[in-house]
Protein backbone atom coordinates (compact mmCIF):
# COMPACT_ATOMS: atom_id res chain seq x y z
CA MET A 1 -23.61 84.60 -188.55
CA THR A 2 -22.24 81.16 -188.98
CA ARG A 3 -19.86 82.25 -191.70
CA CYS A 4 -18.75 85.23 -189.70
CA GLY A 5 -18.31 83.11 -186.63
CA GLY A 6 -16.38 80.53 -188.62
CA SER A 7 -14.11 83.19 -190.02
CA GLY A 8 -13.46 84.60 -186.59
CA GLY A 9 -12.76 81.13 -185.28
CA GLU A 10 -10.34 80.46 -188.11
CA GLN A 11 -8.59 83.77 -187.44
CA GLY A 12 -8.37 82.90 -183.73
CA ASP A 13 -6.94 79.49 -184.57
CA ARG A 14 -4.40 81.07 -186.89
CA ALA A 15 -3.45 83.56 -184.15
CA GLU A 16 -2.98 80.74 -181.65
CA ASP A 17 -0.94 78.74 -184.19
CA SER A 18 1.15 81.82 -184.89
CA ALA A 19 1.71 82.41 -181.18
CA GLY A 20 2.60 78.75 -180.70
CA ALA A 21 5.04 78.86 -183.60
CA ALA A 22 6.64 81.97 -182.15
CA ALA A 23 6.90 80.32 -178.75
CA MET A 24 8.53 77.15 -180.09
CA PRO A 25 11.87 78.71 -181.07
CA SER A 26 11.94 80.47 -177.72
CA ALA A 27 11.39 77.19 -175.87
CA ARG A 28 13.98 75.43 -178.03
CA GLY A 29 16.38 78.29 -177.50
CA GLN A 30 15.91 78.15 -173.76
CA ALA A 31 16.49 74.39 -173.72
CA TRP A 32 19.58 74.77 -175.89
CA ALA A 33 20.93 77.51 -173.65
CA LEU A 34 20.58 75.18 -170.66
CA ALA A 35 22.07 72.21 -172.54
CA ARG A 36 25.15 74.23 -173.49
CA LEU A 37 25.93 74.65 -169.80
CA ALA A 38 25.99 70.89 -169.15
CA LEU A 39 29.65 70.29 -170.09
CA PRO A 40 31.03 73.37 -168.27
CA ALA A 41 28.96 72.42 -165.22
CA LEU A 42 30.31 68.87 -165.30
CA VAL A 43 33.91 70.09 -165.47
CA VAL A 44 33.39 72.66 -162.72
CA GLY A 45 31.86 70.05 -160.41
CA VAL A 46 34.74 67.61 -160.87
CA VAL A 47 37.37 70.32 -160.36
CA CYS A 48 35.60 71.66 -157.25
CA SER A 49 35.60 68.18 -155.73
CA ALA A 50 39.26 67.65 -156.65
CA ILE A 51 40.28 70.88 -154.91
CA LEU A 52 38.28 69.97 -151.80
CA LEU A 53 39.79 66.48 -151.70
CA ALA A 54 43.30 67.87 -152.17
CA VAL A 55 42.84 70.31 -149.30
CA THR A 56 41.44 67.66 -146.95
CA ALA A 57 44.15 65.15 -147.92
CA VAL A 58 46.96 67.60 -147.15
CA GLU A 59 45.20 68.64 -143.94
CA HIS A 60 44.90 65.00 -142.85
CA LEU A 61 48.59 64.33 -143.46
CA LEU A 62 49.60 67.43 -141.52
CA GLN A 63 47.18 66.58 -138.70
CA GLN A 64 48.68 63.11 -138.39
CA ALA A 65 52.17 64.61 -138.33
CA LEU A 66 51.35 67.17 -135.62
CA TRP A 67 49.26 65.01 -133.33
CA HIS A 68 50.78 61.54 -133.79
CA HIS A 69 54.07 61.25 -135.70
CA LEU A 70 55.84 64.26 -134.17
CA PRO A 71 55.16 63.42 -130.50
CA SER A 72 56.11 59.82 -131.23
CA ALA A 73 59.39 60.95 -132.80
CA LEU A 74 60.07 63.24 -129.83
CA GLU A 75 59.05 60.45 -127.43
CA VAL A 76 56.50 62.63 -125.67
CA ASP A 77 52.86 62.04 -124.80
CA GLY A 78 50.80 63.46 -127.67
CA ALA A 79 47.63 63.16 -125.57
CA SER A 80 48.97 65.36 -122.77
CA TRP A 81 47.47 68.73 -121.96
CA TRP A 82 50.66 70.62 -122.65
CA TRP A 83 50.95 69.14 -126.16
CA THR A 84 47.42 70.36 -126.91
CA MET A 85 48.42 73.82 -125.71
CA ALA A 86 51.66 73.76 -127.67
CA VAL A 87 50.14 72.64 -130.98
CA LEU A 88 47.28 75.13 -130.91
CA THR A 89 49.55 78.01 -129.90
CA PHE A 90 51.96 77.04 -132.70
CA THR A 91 49.01 76.82 -135.11
CA GLY A 92 47.95 80.33 -134.16
CA LEU A 93 51.48 81.57 -134.77
CA MET A 94 51.72 79.93 -138.19
CA VAL A 95 48.29 81.08 -139.36
CA GLY A 96 49.15 84.57 -138.10
CA LEU A 97 52.31 84.58 -140.20
CA VAL A 98 50.34 83.47 -143.26
CA VAL A 99 47.71 86.19 -142.77
CA TRP A 100 50.45 88.78 -142.18
CA LYS A 101 52.75 87.93 -145.07
CA ILE A 102 50.51 86.34 -147.74
CA PRO A 103 47.27 87.72 -149.22
CA THR A 104 44.39 85.68 -147.83
CA GLY A 105 41.38 87.81 -148.74
CA PRO A 106 38.94 89.59 -146.42
CA ASP A 107 38.60 88.92 -142.72
CA PRO A 108 36.93 85.45 -142.58
CA ALA A 109 34.42 86.80 -140.07
CA THR A 110 33.02 89.07 -142.80
CA GLU A 111 32.43 86.20 -145.22
CA GLY A 112 29.52 83.75 -145.40
CA LEU A 113 29.36 80.45 -147.23
CA LEU A 114 28.58 82.12 -150.55
CA GLY A 115 29.84 85.51 -151.61
CA PRO A 116 31.13 87.51 -154.57
CA PRO A 117 34.27 86.23 -156.33
CA LEU A 118 37.59 87.02 -154.65
CA PRO A 119 40.82 87.82 -156.53
CA VAL A 120 42.66 84.68 -157.61
CA LYS A 121 45.85 85.91 -155.92
CA VAL A 122 44.36 85.28 -152.45
CA ILE A 123 43.59 81.59 -153.10
CA PRO A 124 47.01 80.10 -152.17
CA GLY A 125 47.22 81.95 -148.86
CA MET A 126 43.59 81.21 -148.03
CA LEU A 127 43.99 77.48 -148.65
CA VAL A 128 47.27 77.31 -146.73
CA GLY A 129 45.54 79.10 -143.85
CA VAL A 130 42.59 76.70 -143.71
CA ILE A 131 44.87 73.65 -143.93
CA LEU A 132 46.97 74.90 -141.02
CA SER A 133 43.88 75.83 -139.00
CA MET A 134 42.12 72.49 -139.42
CA ALA A 135 45.25 70.37 -138.98
CA GLY A 136 46.15 72.24 -135.80
CA GLY A 137 42.82 71.45 -134.15
CA VAL A 138 40.99 74.75 -134.64
CA SER A 139 37.19 74.36 -134.53
CA LEU A 140 36.50 75.36 -138.13
CA GLY A 141 35.74 73.44 -141.33
CA PRO A 142 36.85 73.76 -144.95
CA GLU A 143 33.52 74.84 -146.42
CA ASN A 144 33.87 78.65 -146.61
CA PRO A 145 37.45 79.00 -147.93
CA VAL A 146 37.21 76.08 -150.37
CA THR A 147 33.92 77.41 -151.74
CA ALA A 148 35.44 80.89 -152.08
CA ALA A 149 38.50 79.46 -153.84
CA ASN A 150 36.42 77.43 -156.26
CA ILE A 151 34.19 80.40 -157.06
CA ALA A 152 37.20 82.64 -157.70
CA LEU A 153 38.80 80.08 -160.03
CA ALA A 154 35.57 79.32 -161.88
CA VAL A 155 34.78 82.97 -162.51
CA ALA A 156 38.36 83.84 -163.53
CA ILE A 157 39.16 80.81 -165.71
CA GLY A 158 35.65 80.08 -166.96
CA GLY A 159 35.05 83.71 -167.85
CA ARG A 160 38.23 83.74 -169.93
CA LEU A 161 37.61 80.43 -171.72
CA LEU A 162 33.86 80.93 -172.27
CA PRO A 163 33.18 84.68 -172.08
CA GLY A 164 29.60 84.14 -173.23
CA ILE A 165 28.71 82.72 -169.82
CA VAL A 166 28.20 85.45 -167.24
CA ALA A 167 30.11 85.55 -163.95
CA GLN A 168 26.96 84.88 -161.90
CA THR A 169 26.50 81.57 -163.68
CA TRP A 170 30.08 80.50 -162.99
CA LEU A 171 29.56 81.49 -159.37
CA GLY A 172 26.46 79.31 -159.13
CA LEU A 173 28.19 76.34 -160.75
CA ALA A 174 31.21 76.53 -158.45
CA ALA A 175 29.06 76.99 -155.35
CA ALA A 176 26.88 74.01 -156.29
CA GLY A 177 29.85 71.82 -157.20
CA THR A 178 31.57 72.55 -153.91
CA ILE A 179 28.46 72.04 -151.79
CA GLY A 180 27.75 68.77 -153.57
CA ALA A 181 31.32 67.66 -152.92
CA LEU A 182 31.23 68.75 -149.26
CA PHE A 183 28.09 66.79 -148.40
CA GLY A 184 28.44 63.95 -150.88
CA THR A 185 25.06 64.61 -152.54
CA PRO A 186 23.61 67.19 -154.97
CA VAL A 187 20.50 67.45 -152.80
CA ALA A 188 22.27 69.80 -150.38
CA ALA A 189 23.24 72.12 -153.22
CA ALA A 190 19.71 72.15 -154.62
CA LEU A 191 18.23 72.99 -151.23
CA ILE A 192 20.71 75.78 -150.51
CA LEU A 193 20.57 77.30 -153.98
CA SER A 194 16.78 77.23 -154.00
CA GLU A 195 16.95 79.92 -151.29
CA LEU A 196 19.10 82.14 -153.51
CA THR A 197 18.44 84.02 -156.73
CA LEU A 198 20.81 82.83 -159.44
CA GLY A 199 18.68 84.16 -162.26
CA GLY A 200 15.88 86.64 -162.83
CA ARG A 201 12.73 86.29 -160.81
CA PRO A 202 10.65 85.05 -163.80
CA THR A 203 13.12 82.20 -164.37
CA PRO A 204 11.58 78.85 -163.34
CA LEU A 205 13.26 77.18 -160.38
CA TRP A 206 14.40 74.11 -162.32
CA ASP A 207 15.85 76.28 -165.07
CA ARG A 208 17.90 78.04 -162.41
CA LEU A 209 18.95 74.73 -160.86
CA PHE A 210 19.60 72.79 -164.09
CA ALA A 211 23.30 73.54 -164.53
CA PRO A 212 24.10 73.87 -160.80
CA LEU A 213 22.60 70.41 -160.23
CA ILE A 214 24.90 68.98 -162.89
CA ALA A 215 27.88 70.62 -161.15
CA ALA A 216 26.66 69.43 -157.74
CA GLY A 217 26.11 65.91 -159.04
CA ALA A 218 29.56 65.80 -160.62
CA GLY A 219 31.16 67.13 -157.44
CA SER A 220 29.34 64.70 -155.18
CA ILE A 221 30.00 61.66 -157.39
CA THR A 222 33.69 62.53 -157.59
CA THR A 223 33.92 62.87 -153.82
CA VAL A 224 32.00 59.65 -153.16
CA MET A 225 34.08 57.67 -155.64
CA LEU A 226 37.43 58.93 -154.37
CA ALA A 227 36.82 59.42 -150.65
CA ALA A 228 33.50 57.76 -149.74
CA PRO A 229 32.65 60.30 -146.98
CA VAL A 230 30.21 59.28 -144.27
CA LEU A 231 28.46 62.09 -142.41
CA SER A 232 26.07 59.92 -140.42
CA VAL A 233 26.44 58.64 -136.86
CA GLN A 234 25.52 55.17 -135.66
CA VAL A 235 22.36 55.33 -133.54
CA PRO A 236 19.57 52.85 -132.76
CA PRO A 237 16.71 52.86 -135.30
CA TYR A 238 14.06 55.47 -134.62
CA SER A 239 10.77 54.23 -133.22
CA PRO A 240 8.00 56.85 -132.94
CA HIS A 241 6.61 57.61 -129.49
CA ALA A 242 3.92 59.88 -128.16
CA GLY A 243 5.40 63.24 -127.30
CA ASP A 244 8.19 63.06 -129.88
CA LEU A 245 7.03 66.23 -131.60
CA LEU A 246 7.05 68.20 -128.36
CA ALA A 247 10.47 66.84 -127.40
CA ALA A 248 11.89 67.65 -130.85
CA ALA A 249 10.48 71.18 -130.76
CA VAL A 250 11.92 71.83 -127.30
CA ILE A 251 15.37 70.45 -128.14
CA ALA A 252 15.51 72.31 -131.46
CA SER A 253 14.47 75.53 -129.74
CA VAL A 254 17.14 75.11 -127.06
CA GLY A 255 19.68 74.51 -129.80
CA ALA A 256 18.52 77.64 -131.59
CA VAL A 257 18.87 79.67 -128.39
CA LEU A 258 22.41 78.38 -127.84
CA GLY A 259 23.30 79.08 -131.45
CA LEU A 260 21.80 82.56 -131.21
CA ALA A 261 23.91 83.25 -128.13
CA VAL A 262 27.00 82.61 -130.25
CA VAL A 263 25.63 84.70 -133.13
CA LEU A 264 24.76 87.65 -130.89
CA ALA A 265 28.15 87.48 -129.17
CA PHE A 266 29.93 87.31 -132.52
CA PRO A 267 30.31 91.06 -133.27
CA HIS A 268 31.23 91.89 -129.67
CA THR A 269 33.87 89.16 -129.49
CA HIS A 270 35.19 90.20 -132.89
CA ARG A 271 35.53 93.80 -131.80
CA LEU A 272 37.25 92.77 -128.57
CA VAL A 273 39.68 90.34 -130.19
CA HIS A 274 40.56 92.75 -133.00
CA ARG A 275 41.77 95.35 -130.57
CA ILE A 276 44.98 93.39 -131.05
CA ARG A 277 45.81 94.69 -134.50
CA HIS A 278 48.78 92.56 -135.47
CA PRO A 279 47.57 89.20 -136.84
CA VAL A 280 50.57 87.24 -135.55
CA VAL A 281 50.05 88.41 -131.96
CA ARG A 282 46.27 88.12 -132.15
CA LEU A 283 46.18 84.63 -133.64
CA THR A 284 48.97 83.30 -131.42
CA LEU A 285 47.08 84.41 -128.31
CA ALA A 286 43.83 83.06 -129.74
CA GLY A 287 45.56 79.75 -130.44
CA ALA A 288 46.72 79.58 -126.83
CA LEU A 289 43.16 80.26 -125.62
CA LEU A 290 41.85 77.56 -127.95
CA GLY A 291 44.43 75.27 -126.37
CA VAL A 292 42.99 76.05 -122.94
CA LEU A 293 39.50 75.27 -124.21
CA GLY A 294 40.80 72.03 -125.71
CA VAL A 295 42.30 71.04 -122.37
CA VAL A 296 39.06 71.85 -120.53
CA GLY A 297 36.74 70.13 -123.00
CA GLY A 298 39.06 67.34 -124.06
CA ARG A 299 40.60 66.45 -127.41
CA ILE A 300 37.15 65.56 -128.73
CA THR A 301 36.21 69.27 -128.83
CA LEU A 302 39.04 70.06 -131.26
CA PHE A 303 39.02 70.02 -135.08
CA ARG A 304 36.02 70.52 -137.36
CA GLY A 305 33.98 67.81 -135.65
CA VAL A 306 32.99 65.32 -138.36
CA GLU A 307 34.96 62.36 -137.03
CA GLU A 308 34.62 63.61 -133.47
CA MET A 309 30.79 63.53 -133.56
CA LYS A 310 30.94 59.85 -134.55
CA GLU A 311 33.37 59.15 -131.71
CA LEU A 312 31.24 61.07 -129.21
CA THR A 313 28.08 59.25 -130.25
CA ALA A 314 29.79 55.86 -129.99
CA GLN A 315 31.15 56.66 -126.53
CA ALA A 316 28.18 58.67 -125.21
CA ALA A 317 27.56 56.19 -122.39
CA ALA A 318 30.96 57.06 -120.94
CA TYR A 319 29.95 60.71 -120.46
CA THR A 320 27.78 62.17 -117.72
CA ALA A 321 25.21 64.83 -118.50
CA ALA A 322 27.56 67.41 -116.98
CA GLY A 323 30.38 66.18 -119.22
CA LEU A 324 28.21 66.48 -122.33
CA ALA A 325 27.07 69.95 -121.28
CA LEU A 326 30.71 70.97 -120.90
CA ILE A 327 31.47 69.68 -124.40
CA VAL A 328 28.61 71.73 -125.88
CA VAL A 329 29.74 74.92 -124.17
CA VAL A 330 33.42 74.43 -124.98
CA LYS A 331 32.74 73.65 -128.64
CA LEU A 332 30.55 76.71 -129.12
CA ALA A 333 33.10 78.88 -127.32
CA ALA A 334 35.90 77.48 -129.49
CA LEU A 335 33.85 78.14 -132.63
CA LEU A 336 33.16 81.71 -131.51
CA LEU A 337 36.81 82.44 -130.71
CA ALA A 338 38.22 80.79 -133.84
CA ALA A 339 35.74 82.51 -136.16
CA THR A 340 36.30 85.97 -134.69
CA ALA A 341 40.08 85.87 -134.20
CA GLY A 342 40.85 85.46 -137.90
CA PHE A 343 41.46 81.74 -138.32
CA ILE A 344 40.45 80.68 -141.81
CA GLY A 345 37.60 78.20 -142.06
CA GLY A 346 33.86 77.61 -142.09
CA ARG A 347 31.36 77.41 -139.28
CA ILE A 348 28.88 74.72 -140.37
CA PHE A 349 30.66 71.54 -139.32
CA PRO A 350 31.59 72.74 -135.80
CA ALA A 351 27.95 73.78 -135.36
CA VAL A 352 26.89 70.28 -136.43
CA PHE A 353 29.14 68.75 -133.77
CA ALA A 354 27.72 71.07 -131.10
CA GLY A 355 24.20 70.09 -132.15
CA VAL A 356 25.02 66.38 -131.93
CA ALA A 357 26.50 66.89 -128.45
CA LEU A 358 23.38 68.81 -127.40
CA GLY A 359 21.18 65.96 -128.61
CA LEU A 360 23.21 63.44 -126.62
CA LEU A 361 22.86 65.70 -123.59
CA ALA A 362 19.07 65.80 -124.04
CA ASN A 363 18.96 62.01 -124.26
CA ALA A 364 21.12 61.71 -121.13
CA LEU A 365 18.77 64.00 -119.23
CA VAL A 366 15.58 62.38 -120.55
CA PRO A 367 16.35 58.81 -121.69
CA ALA A 368 12.77 58.38 -122.92
CA VAL A 369 13.60 60.69 -125.84
CA PRO A 370 14.97 58.54 -128.68
CA VAL A 371 18.64 59.34 -129.22
CA SER A 372 18.22 59.73 -132.99
CA LEU A 373 15.42 62.25 -132.47
CA ALA A 374 17.43 64.12 -129.84
CA ILE A 375 20.56 64.35 -132.01
CA ALA A 376 18.66 65.45 -135.12
CA SER A 377 16.70 68.08 -133.19
CA GLY A 378 19.72 69.51 -131.40
CA LEU A 379 21.66 69.68 -134.65
CA LEU A 380 18.69 71.28 -136.40
CA GLY A 381 18.44 74.09 -133.87
CA VAL A 382 22.14 74.97 -133.62
CA VAL A 383 22.80 74.89 -137.37
CA LEU A 384 19.63 76.88 -138.04
CA ALA A 385 20.79 79.69 -135.75
CA VAL A 386 24.34 79.73 -137.11
CA THR A 387 23.43 79.56 -140.82
CA GLN A 388 19.84 80.89 -140.92
CA GLN A 389 19.23 78.37 -143.71
CA GLY A 390 16.24 76.16 -143.06
CA TRP A 391 16.80 73.68 -145.88
CA LEU A 392 20.46 73.15 -145.00
CA SER A 393 19.64 72.64 -141.33
CA LEU A 394 16.88 70.16 -142.12
CA PHE A 395 19.10 68.32 -144.59
CA MET A 396 22.00 68.04 -142.15
CA ALA A 397 19.73 66.81 -139.36
CA ALA A 398 18.21 64.10 -141.56
CA THR A 399 21.60 63.13 -143.03
CA VAL A 400 23.51 62.79 -139.76
CA VAL A 401 20.97 60.41 -138.22
CA ALA A 402 20.02 58.81 -141.57
CA GLU A 403 16.40 58.30 -140.52
CA LEU A 404 13.75 59.27 -143.10
CA GLN A 405 11.00 58.60 -140.57
CA LEU A 406 12.18 61.63 -138.64
CA LEU A 407 11.54 64.09 -141.48
CA PRO A 408 7.88 64.87 -140.65
CA VAL A 409 8.77 65.50 -137.01
CA LEU A 410 11.81 67.60 -137.91
CA CYS A 411 9.85 69.70 -140.40
CA LEU A 412 7.43 70.66 -137.63
CA ALA A 413 10.13 71.01 -134.97
CA LEU A 414 11.93 73.49 -137.21
CA LEU A 415 9.03 75.95 -137.12
CA PRO A 416 9.26 77.16 -133.48
CA ALA A 417 13.05 77.26 -133.80
CA TRP A 418 12.68 79.39 -136.91
CA LEU A 419 10.47 81.84 -135.02
CA LEU A 420 13.39 82.35 -132.63
CA VAL A 421 15.92 82.76 -135.45
CA THR A 422 14.09 84.81 -138.06
CA GLY A 423 14.96 88.49 -138.12
CA ARG A 424 18.09 87.97 -136.03
CA PRO A 425 21.51 89.08 -137.30
CA GLN A 426 23.58 86.63 -139.30
CA MET A 427 26.90 85.25 -138.08
CA VAL A 428 28.79 87.63 -140.35
CA ILE A 429 30.51 90.89 -139.53
CA GLU A 430 29.36 93.76 -141.73
CA GLU A 431 32.41 95.63 -142.98
CA ARG A 432 32.21 99.35 -142.35
CA ALA A 433 33.43 101.85 -144.88
CA ALA A 434 36.71 103.46 -143.91
């Protein structure tokens, strides 16, 4: 019995050793496969950041020319209502001409932040369109078109240079590199990509995120080194109070309801606006309407909203609650009109501005609510409804107020807002087959 048992034990040990030996090459092969992606991921991240920085630099120069240098040269008041109307109407005309005469890809309303690769031929027109839109004061950001451009280039060029890497991998690298560059940290890319499937279901999460994190890190470091972006607003340090959780949940839920109102109106507004078939006519009229909204809400409601949210927060004491409420409504209306009319750009940054304004409104109505908590909660709710991405919304809320102490409260405040958002349609128009 002992001998037999010993023999069986020896056979079992040999079987385990054999299985372990067979597993070792597989593990080494998997590690080598990931390591081989490191250099391509690094290059993709740097290039994604460079393209983003180039687009924003050109946009900034054009914005300065339209809103400052040109009125100064013409000796007119660049802050006047009629100049706002003129610039936005002219912007609509120019973007309409670009959409009409140059390939720019699908209707922006049908595209989310991440999507399948577009043809490379649409990249020039798409980037020209987003530069004109942002410089002219349209309430859209660069995130969607720049991400789409980077994905198209990565898949086309990377697939040709390194055909052994599949298109889905190039897509993930470009998406991560661009997101890292946009937000100045690879954490945002990791959080967003963790909600997607970039590999097979059995693939461990960190295997799926290994190369994208390298691309995101390279993109974010490049952006930080060259541009040093700051997404946070200056607010008093957060000090916990009784009732903060309830206040955060209420504000986040109100933000989610406001965001959902925009999302639910999105297809109806799109259908109404697109009754005007010709893009030049449609976008010129939409630009004029955006000019009216800009006059009503003030210059602070124009543009993508990153610098404007800092300005609004710094000058919040100068606004009444009614004035802040008007800014929230105007910004959301401008986002809705710009996104449905065919202007090229993303919807995250304008939603962030609207959330910040909502938080300031909540603080103005109930001063006992800490302003940092109010801003983070309002931002959380609006962005959650517009993007339906919990991690991104939580990340943006924590980043804008730069208060780690708020994270436990925000994590819980997100839950009732998510109950309002889950199962609702996304802010994307589903294309119907002809």
